């Protein structure tokens, strides 16, 4: 069941919103999160701003074609 903290992803902007939301909840800066996964901070900033990368474009297209969406929720791991 969705919680108020869940972020629904319908497009690149929603994907970026979800990443930013949970990064901020974790108390991380963009540089800290980017460093944890080995990407440049500017790349993370583009994702959070909703810039549509080729990977994001394909994922969104696959979801739309399947009449589906992603709901991002806090993990309990």
PDB file of N, CA and C in Angstrom:
ATOM      1  N   UNK A   1       0.838  -1.182   0.000  1.00  0.00           N
ATOM      2  CA  UNK A   1       0.000   0.000   0.000  1.00  0.00           C
ATOM      3  C   UNK A   1       0.887   1.252   0.000  1.00  0.00           C
ATOM      4  N   UNK A   2       0.621   2.217  -0.865  1.00  0.00           N
ATOM      5  CA  UNK A   2       1.439   3.429  -0.920  1.00  0.00           C
ATOM      6  C   UNK A   2       1.378   4.218   0.393  1.00  0.00           C
ATOM      7  N   UNK A   3       2.506   4.826   0.698  1.00  0.00           N
ATOM      8  CA  UNK A   3       2.573   5.694   1.871  1.00  0.00           C
ATOM      9  C   UNK A   3       2.714   7.131   1.395  1.00  0.00           C
ATOM     10  N   UNK A   4       2.510   8.107   2.276  1.00  0.00           N
ATOM     11  CA  UNK A   4       2.662   9.513   1.866  1.00  0.00           C
ATOM     12  C   UNK A   4       4.077   9.841   1.398  1.00  0.00           C
ATOM     13  N   UNK A   5       5.037   8.994   1.776  1.00  0.00           N
ATOM     14  CA  UNK A   5       6.428   9.233   1.409  1.00  0.00           C
ATOM     15  C   UNK A   5       6.790   8.658   0.042  1.00  0.00           C
ATOM     16  N   UNK A   6       5.898   7.890  -0.568  1.00  0.00           N
ATOM     17  CA  UNK A   6       6.159   7.298  -1.877  1.00  0.00           C
ATOM     18  C   UNK A   6       6.177   8.369  -2.956  1.00  0.00           C
ATOM     19  N   UNK A   7       6.992   8.133  -3.986  1.00  0.00           N
ATOM     20  CA  UNK A   7       7.058   9.043  -5.119  1.00  0.00           C
ATOM     21  C   UNK A   7       6.718   8.242  -6.365  1.00  0.00           C
ATOM     22  N   UNK A   8       5.691   8.665  -7.066  1.00  0.00           N
ATOM     23  CA  UNK A   8       5.291   7.991  -8.301  1.00  0.00           C
ATOM     24  C   UNK A   8       6.074   8.574  -9.476  1.00  0.00           C
ATOM     25  N   UNK A   9       6.542   7.689 -10.328  1.00  0.00           N
ATOM     26  CA  UNK A   9       7.371   8.101 -11.464  1.00  0.00           C
ATOM     27  C   UNK A   9       6.614   7.835 -12.752  1.00  0.00           C
ATOM     28  N   UNK A  10       6.291   8.918 -13.453  1.00  0.00           N
ATOM     29  CA  UNK A  10       5.616   8.830 -14.750  1.00  0.00           C
ATOM     30  C   UNK A  10       6.526   9.304 -15.883  1.00  0.00           C
ATOM     31  N   UNK A  11       7.564  10.065 -15.535  1.00  0.00           N
ATOM     32  CA  UNK A  11       8.432  10.675 -16.534  1.00  0.00           C
ATOM     33  C   UNK A  11       9.794  10.980 -15.903  1.00  0.00           C
ATOM     34  N   UNK A  12      10.682  11.585 -16.683  1.00  0.00           N
ATOM     35  CA  UNK A  12      12.027  11.888 -16.189  1.00  0.00           C
ATOM     36  C   UNK A  12      11.998  12.832 -15.000  1.00  0.00           C
ATOM     37  N   UNK A  13      11.082  13.781 -15.004  1.00  0.00           N
ATOM     38  CA  UNK A  13      10.983  14.723 -13.886  1.00  0.00           C
ATOM     39  C   UNK A  13      10.613  13.990 -12.595  1.00  0.00           C
ATOM     40  N   UNK A  14       9.710  13.036 -12.692  1.00  0.00           N
ATOM     41  CA  UNK A  14       9.328  12.254 -11.516  1.00  0.00           C
ATOM     42  C   UNK A  14      10.461  11.388 -11.007  1.00  0.00           C
ATOM     43  N   UNK A  15      11.245  10.851 -11.931  1.00  0.00           N
ATOM     44  CA  UNK A  15      12.403  10.047 -11.557  1.00  0.00           C
ATOM     45  C   UNK A  15      13.405  10.913 -10.783  1.00  0.00           C
ATOM     46  N   UNK A  16      13.675  12.091 -11.303  1.00  0.00           N
ATOM     47  CA  UNK A  16      14.587  13.019 -10.626  1.00  0.00           C
ATOM     48  C   UNK A  16      14.062  13.454  -9.273  1.00  0.00           C
ATOM     49  N   UNK A  17      12.763  13.697  -9.203  1.00  0.00           N
ATOM     50  CA  UNK A  17      12.126  14.095  -7.944  1.00  0.00           C
ATOM     51  C   UNK A  17      12.284  13.000  -6.885  1.00  0.00           C
ATOM     52  N   UNK A  18      12.134  11.751  -7.306  1.00  0.00           N
ATOM     53  CA  UNK A  18      12.275  10.632  -6.382  1.00  0.00           C
ATOM     54  C   UNK A  18      13.706  10.536  -5.846  1.00  0.00           C
ATOM     55  N   UNK A  19      14.684  10.640  -6.733  1.00  0.00           N
ATOM     56  CA  UNK A  19      16.083  10.569  -6.305  1.00  0.00           C
ATOM     57  C   UNK A  19      16.389  11.701  -5.319  1.00  0.00           C
ATOM     58  N   UNK A  20      15.997  12.920  -5.663  1.00  0.00           N
ATOM     59  CA  UNK A  20      16.249  14.079  -4.798  1.00  0.00           C
ATOM     60  C   UNK A  20      15.557  13.912  -3.439  1.00  0.00           C
ATOM     61  N   UNK A  21      14.307  13.485  -3.459  1.00  0.00           N
ATOM     62  CA  UNK A  21      13.530  13.323  -2.231  1.00  0.00           C
ATOM     63  C   UNK A  21      14.229  12.375  -1.259  1.00  0.00           C
ATOM     64  N   UNK A  22      14.610  11.201  -1.741  1.00  0.00           N
ATOM     65  CA  UNK A  22      15.216  10.219  -0.858  1.00  0.00           C
ATOM     66  C   UNK A  22      16.661  10.557  -0.514  1.00  0.00           C
ATOM     67  N   UNK A  23      17.375  11.254  -1.403  1.00  0.00           N
ATOM     68  CA  UNK A  23      18.721  11.726  -1.078  1.00  0.00           C
ATOM     69  C   UNK A  23      18.653  12.709   0.081  1.00  0.00           C
ATOM     70  N   UNK A  24      17.712  13.652  -0.015  1.00  0.00           N
ATOM     71  CA  UNK A  24      17.564  14.650   1.046  1.00  0.00           C
ATOM     72  C   UNK A  24      17.117  14.001   2.356  1.00  0.00           C
ATOM     73  N   UNK A  25      16.214  13.036   2.290  1.00  0.00           N
ATOM     74  CA  UNK A  25      15.783  12.343   3.498  1.00  0.00           C
ATOM     75  C   UNK A  25      16.945  11.612   4.160  1.00  0.00           C
ATOM     76  N   UNK A  26      17.883  11.130   3.357  1.00  0.00           N
ATOM     77  CA  UNK A  26      19.052  10.430   3.885  1.00  0.00           C
ATOM     78  C   UNK A  26      20.096  11.400   4.417  1.00  0.00           C
ATOM     79  N   UNK A  27      19.857  12.705   4.204  1.00  0.00           N
ATOM     80  CA  UNK A  27      20.797  13.712   4.680  1.00  0.00           C
ATOM     81  C   UNK A  27      22.082  13.773   3.879  1.00  0.00           C
ATOM     82  N   UNK A  28      21.993  13.417   2.597  1.00  0.00           N
ATOM     83  CA  UNK A  28      23.175  13.393   1.740  1.00  0.00           C
ATOM     84  C   UNK A  28      23.187  14.577   0.780  1.00  0.00           C
ATOM     85  N   UNK A  29      24.375  15.060   0.479  1.00  0.00           N
ATOM     86  CA  UNK A  29      24.530  16.061  -0.575  1.00  0.00           C
ATOM     87  C   UNK A  29      24.589  15.317  -1.907  1.00  0.00           C
ATOM     88  N   UNK A  30      24.477  16.063  -2.984  1.00  0.00           N
ATOM     89  CA  UNK A  30      24.624  15.436  -4.297  1.00  0.00           C
ATOM     90  C   UNK A  30      26.001  14.811  -4.425  1.00  0.00           C
ATOM     91  N   UNK A  31      27.030  15.494  -3.949  1.00  0.00           N
ATOM     92  CA  UNK A  31      28.395  14.967  -4.051  1.00  0.00           C
ATOM     93  C   UNK A  31      28.549  13.667  -3.266  1.00  0.00           C
ATOM     94  N   UNK A  32      27.944  13.594  -2.099  1.00  0.00           N
ATOM     95  CA  UNK A  32      28.045  12.375  -1.290  1.00  0.00           C
ATOM     96  C   UNK A  32      27.357  11.194  -1.971  1.00  0.00           C
ATOM     97  N   UNK A  33      26.135  11.407  -2.457  1.00  0.00           N
ATOM     98  CA  UNK A  33      25.417  10.320  -3.113  1.00  0.00           C
ATOM     99  C   UNK A  33      26.127   9.903  -4.397  1.00  0.00           C
ATOM    100  N   UNK A  34      26.548  10.877  -5.183  1.00  0.00           N
ATOM    101  CA  UNK A  34      27.257  10.572  -6.426  1.00  0.00           C
ATOM    102  C   UNK A  34      28.523   9.767  -6.138  1.00  0.00           C
ATOM    103  N   UNK A  35      29.241  10.142  -5.099  1.00  0.00           N
ATOM    104  CA  UNK A  35      30.453   9.421  -4.724  1.00  0.00           C
ATOM    105  C   UNK A  35      30.178   7.987  -4.311  1.00  0.00           C
ATOM    106  N   UNK A  36      29.061   7.770  -3.654  1.00  0.00           N
ATOM    107  CA  UNK A  36      28.704   6.413  -3.217  1.00  0.00           C
ATOM    108  C   UNK A  36      28.466   5.465  -4.378  1.00  0.00           C
ATOM    109  N   UNK A  37      27.991   6.004  -5.503  1.00  0.00           N
ATOM    110  CA  UNK A  37      27.695   5.132  -6.643  1.00  0.00           C
ATOM    111  C   UNK A  37      28.664   5.311  -7.805  1.00  0.00           C
ATOM    112  N   UNK A  38      29.643   6.189  -7.647  1.00  0.00           N
ATOM    113  CA  UNK A  38      30.675   6.341  -8.667  1.00  0.00           C
ATOM    114  C   UNK A  38      30.270   7.111  -9.900  1.00  0.00           C
ATOM    115  N   UNK A  39      29.396   8.117  -9.720  1.00  0.00           N
ATOM    116  CA  UNK A  39      29.056   9.005 -10.838  1.00  0.00           C
ATOM    117  C   UNK A  39      29.455  10.425 -10.468  1.00  0.00           C
ATOM    118  N   UNK A  40      29.561  11.287 -11.445  1.00  0.00           N
ATOM    119  CA  UNK A  40      29.916  12.675 -11.203  1.00  0.00           C
ATOM    120  C   UNK A  40      28.714  13.419 -10.626  1.00  0.00           C
ATOM    121  N   UNK A  41      28.965  14.363  -9.748  1.00  0.00           N
ATOM    122  CA  UNK A  41      27.894  15.137  -9.128  1.00  0.00           C
ATOM    123  C   UNK A  41      27.042  15.842 -10.172  1.00  0.00           C
ATOM    124  N   UNK A  42      27.645  16.334 -11.245  1.00  0.00           N
ATOM    125  CA  UNK A  42      26.871  17.036 -12.277  1.00  0.00           C
ATOM    126  C   UNK A  42      25.895  16.093 -12.986  1.00  0.00           C
ATOM    127  N   UNK A  43      26.263  14.823 -13.114  1.00  0.00           N
ATOM    128  CA  UNK A  43      25.354  13.843 -13.710  1.00  0.00           C
ATOM    129  C   UNK A  43      24.139  13.652 -12.811  1.00  0.00           C
ATOM    130  N   UNK A  44      24.376  13.523 -11.507  1.00  0.00           N
ATOM    131  CA  UNK A  44      23.277  13.397 -10.555  1.00  0.00           C
ATOM    132  C   UNK A  44      22.395  14.647 -10.582  1.00  0.00           C
ATOM    133  N   UNK A  45      23.004  15.817 -10.675  1.00  0.00           N
ATOM    134  CA  UNK A  45      22.240  17.066 -10.732  1.00  0.00           C
ATOM    135  C   UNK A  45      21.320  17.076 -11.956  1.00  0.00           C
ATOM    136  N   UNK A  46      21.809  16.580 -13.090  1.00  0.00           N
ATOM    137  CA  UNK A  46      20.986  16.519 -14.301  1.00  0.00           C
ATOM    138  C   UNK A  46      19.810  15.564 -14.113  1.00  0.00           C
ATOM    139  N   UNK A  47      20.061  14.421 -13.482  1.00  0.00           N
ATOM    140  CA  UNK A  47      18.980  13.467 -13.219  1.00  0.00           C
ATOM    141  C   UNK A  47      17.929  14.113 -12.323  1.00  0.00           C
ATOM    142  N   UNK A  48      18.380  14.746 -11.231  1.00  0.00           N
ATOM    143  CA  UNK A  48      17.441  15.380 -10.306  1.00  0.00           C
ATOM    144  C   UNK A  48      16.659  16.512 -10.964  1.00  0.00           C
ATOM    145  N   UNK A  49      17.241  17.152 -11.962  1.00  0.00           N
ATOM    146  CA  UNK A  49      16.567  18.237 -12.674  1.00  0.00           C
ATOM    147  C   UNK A  49      15.579  17.711 -13.717  1.00  0.00           C
ATOM    148  N   UNK A  50      15.546  16.384 -13.891  1.00  0.00           N
ATOM    149  CA  UNK A  50      14.595  15.796 -14.830  1.00  0.00           C
ATOM    150  C   UNK A  50      15.093  15.712 -16.256  1.00  0.00           C
ATOM    151  N   UNK A  51      16.406  15.872 -16.452  1.00  0.00           N
ATOM    152  CA  UNK A  51      16.948  15.745 -17.800  1.00  0.00           C
ATOM    153  C   UNK A  51      16.757  14.311 -18.271  1.00  0.00           C
ATOM    154  N   UNK A  52      16.274  14.171 -19.467  1.00  0.00           N
ATOM    155  CA  UNK A  52      15.935  12.865 -20.018  1.00  0.00           C
ATOM    156  C   UNK A  52      17.155  12.241 -20.698  1.00  0.00           C
ATOM    157  N   UNK A  53      17.797  11.293 -20.019  1.00  0.00           N
ATOM    158  CA  UNK A  53      18.913  10.564 -20.623  1.00  0.00           C
ATOM    159  C   UNK A  53      18.345   9.453 -21.500  1.00  0.00           C
ATOM    160  N   UNK A  54      19.198   8.856 -22.298  1.00  0.00           N
ATOM    161  CA  UNK A  54      18.746   7.764 -23.162  1.00  0.00           C
ATOM    162  C   UNK A  54      18.227   6.590 -22.325  1.00  0.00           C
ATOM    163  N   UNK A  55      18.905   6.294 -21.222  1.00  0.00           N
ATOM    164  CA  UNK A  55      18.462   5.197 -20.364  1.00  0.00           C
ATOM    165  C   UNK A  55      17.090   5.490 -19.765  1.00  0.00           C
ATOM    166  N   UNK A  56      16.924   6.706 -19.260  1.00  0.00           N
ATOM    167  CA  UNK A  56      15.645   7.091 -18.669  1.00  0.00           C
ATOM    168  C   UNK A  56      14.547   7.080 -19.720  1.00  0.00           C
ATOM    169  N   UNK A  57      14.847   7.567 -20.899  1.00  0.00           N
ATOM    170  CA  UNK A  57      13.875   7.588 -22.001  1.00  0.00           C
ATOM    171  C   UNK A  57      13.376   6.166 -22.289  1.00  0.00           C
ATOM    172  N   UNK A  58      14.282   5.207 -22.342  1.00  0.00           N
ATOM    173  CA  UNK A  58      13.905   3.824 -22.642  1.00  0.00           C
ATOM    174  C   UNK A  58      13.073   3.217 -21.522  1.00  0.00           C
ATOM    175  N   UNK A  59      13.470   3.458 -20.285  1.00  0.00           N
ATOM    176  CA  UNK A  59      12.713   2.918 -19.148  1.00  0.00           C
ATOM    177  C   UNK A  59      11.298   3.483 -19.132  1.00  0.00           C
ATOM    178  N   UNK A  60      11.162   4.789 -19.323  1.00  0.00           N
ATOM    179  CA  UNK A  60       9.843   5.425 -19.331  1.00  0.00           C
ATOM    180  C   UNK A  60       9.004   4.874 -20.486  1.00  0.00           C
ATOM    181  N   UNK A  61       9.609   4.708 -21.663  1.00  0.00           N
ATOM    182  CA  UNK A  61       8.883   4.163 -22.817  1.00  0.00           C
ATOM    183  C   UNK A  61       8.414   2.736 -22.544  1.00  0.00           C
ATOM    184  N   UNK A  62       9.259   1.918 -21.932  1.00  0.00           N
ATOM    185  CA  UNK A  62       8.868   0.544 -21.602  1.00  0.00           C
ATOM    186  C   UNK A  62       7.701   0.529 -20.622  1.00  0.00           C
ATOM    187  N   UNK A  63       7.771   1.384 -19.607  1.00  0.00           N
ATOM    188  CA  UNK A  63       6.686   1.447 -18.629  1.00  0.00           C
ATOM    189  C   UNK A  63       5.376   1.880 -19.283  1.00  0.00           C
ATOM    190  N   UNK A  64       5.441   2.921 -20.113  1.00  0.00           N
ATOM    191  CA  UNK A  64       4.229   3.397 -20.781  1.00  0.00           C
ATOM    192  C   UNK A  64       3.634   2.318 -21.677  1.00  0.00           C
ATOM    193  N   UNK A  65       4.496   1.613 -22.408  1.00  0.00           N
ATOM    194  CA  UNK A  65       4.018   0.565 -23.303  1.00  0.00           C
ATOM    195  C   UNK A  65       3.355  -0.576 -22.528  1.00  0.00           C
ATOM    196  N   UNK A  66       3.785  -0.774 -21.297  1.00  0.00           N
ATOM    197  CA  UNK A  66       3.221  -1.842 -20.469  1.00  0.00           C
ATOM    198  C   UNK A  66       2.108  -1.340 -19.556  1.00  0.00           C
ATOM    199  N   UNK A  67       1.692  -0.079 -19.762  1.00  0.00           N
ATOM    200  CA  UNK A  67       0.671   0.535 -18.901  1.00  0.00           C
ATOM    201  C   UNK A  67       1.046   0.407 -17.424  1.00  0.00           C
ATOM    202  N   UNK A  68       2.299   0.772 -17.114  1.00  0.00           N
ATOM    203  CA  UNK A  68       2.810   0.640 -15.748  1.00  0.00           C
ATOM    204  C   UNK A  68       3.523   1.922 -15.329  1.00  0.00           C
ATOM    205  N   UNK A  69       3.830   1.989 -14.049  1.00  0.00           N
ATOM    206  CA  UNK A  69       4.623   3.095 -13.521  1.00  0.00           C
ATOM    207  C   UNK A  69       5.458   2.558 -12.369  1.00  0.00           C
ATOM    208  N   UNK A  70       6.441   3.323 -11.984  1.00  0.00           N
ATOM    209  CA  UNK A  70       7.281   2.989 -10.845  1.00  0.00           C
ATOM    210  C   UNK A  70       6.795   3.790  -9.651  1.00  0.00           C
ATOM    211  N   UNK A  71       6.734   3.152  -8.495  1.00  0.00           N
ATOM    212  CA  UNK A  71       6.476   3.861  -7.248  1.00  0.00           C
ATOM    213  C   UNK A  71       7.698   3.624  -6.384  1.00  0.00           C
ATOM    214  N   UNK A  72       8.401   4.706  -6.061  1.00  0.00           N
ATOM    215  CA  UNK A  72       9.626   4.610  -5.268  1.00  0.00           C
ATOM    216  C   UNK A  72       9.251   4.815  -3.806  1.00  0.00           C
ATOM    217  N   UNK A  73       9.705   3.883  -2.984  1.00  0.00           N
ATOM    218  CA  UNK A  73       9.392   3.933  -1.562  1.00  0.00           C
ATOM    219  C   UNK A  73      10.676   3.669  -0.763  1.00  0.00           C
ATOM    220  N   UNK A  74      10.688   4.097   0.469  1.00  0.00           N
ATOM    221  CA  UNK A  74      11.853   3.897   1.322  1.00  0.00           C
ATOM    222  C   UNK A  74      12.082   2.402   1.520  1.00  0.00           C
ATOM    223  N   UNK A  75      13.320   1.991   1.327  1.00  0.00           N
ATOM    224  CA  UNK A  75      13.697   0.589   1.509  1.00  0.00           C
ATOM    225  C   UNK A  75      13.942   0.306   2.988  1.00  0.00           C
ATOM    226  N   UNK A  76      13.729  -0.923   3.383  1.00  0.00           N
ATOM    227  CA  UNK A  76      13.956  -1.285   4.777  1.00  0.00           C
ATOM    228  C   UNK A  76      15.216  -2.120   4.938  1.00  0.00           C
ATOM    229  N   UNK A  77      16.143  -2.001   4.044  1.00  0.00           N
ATOM    230  CA  UNK A  77      17.385  -2.750   4.114  1.00  0.00           C
ATOM    231  C   UNK A  77      18.378  -1.906   4.697  1.00  0.00           C
TER     232      UNK A  77
END
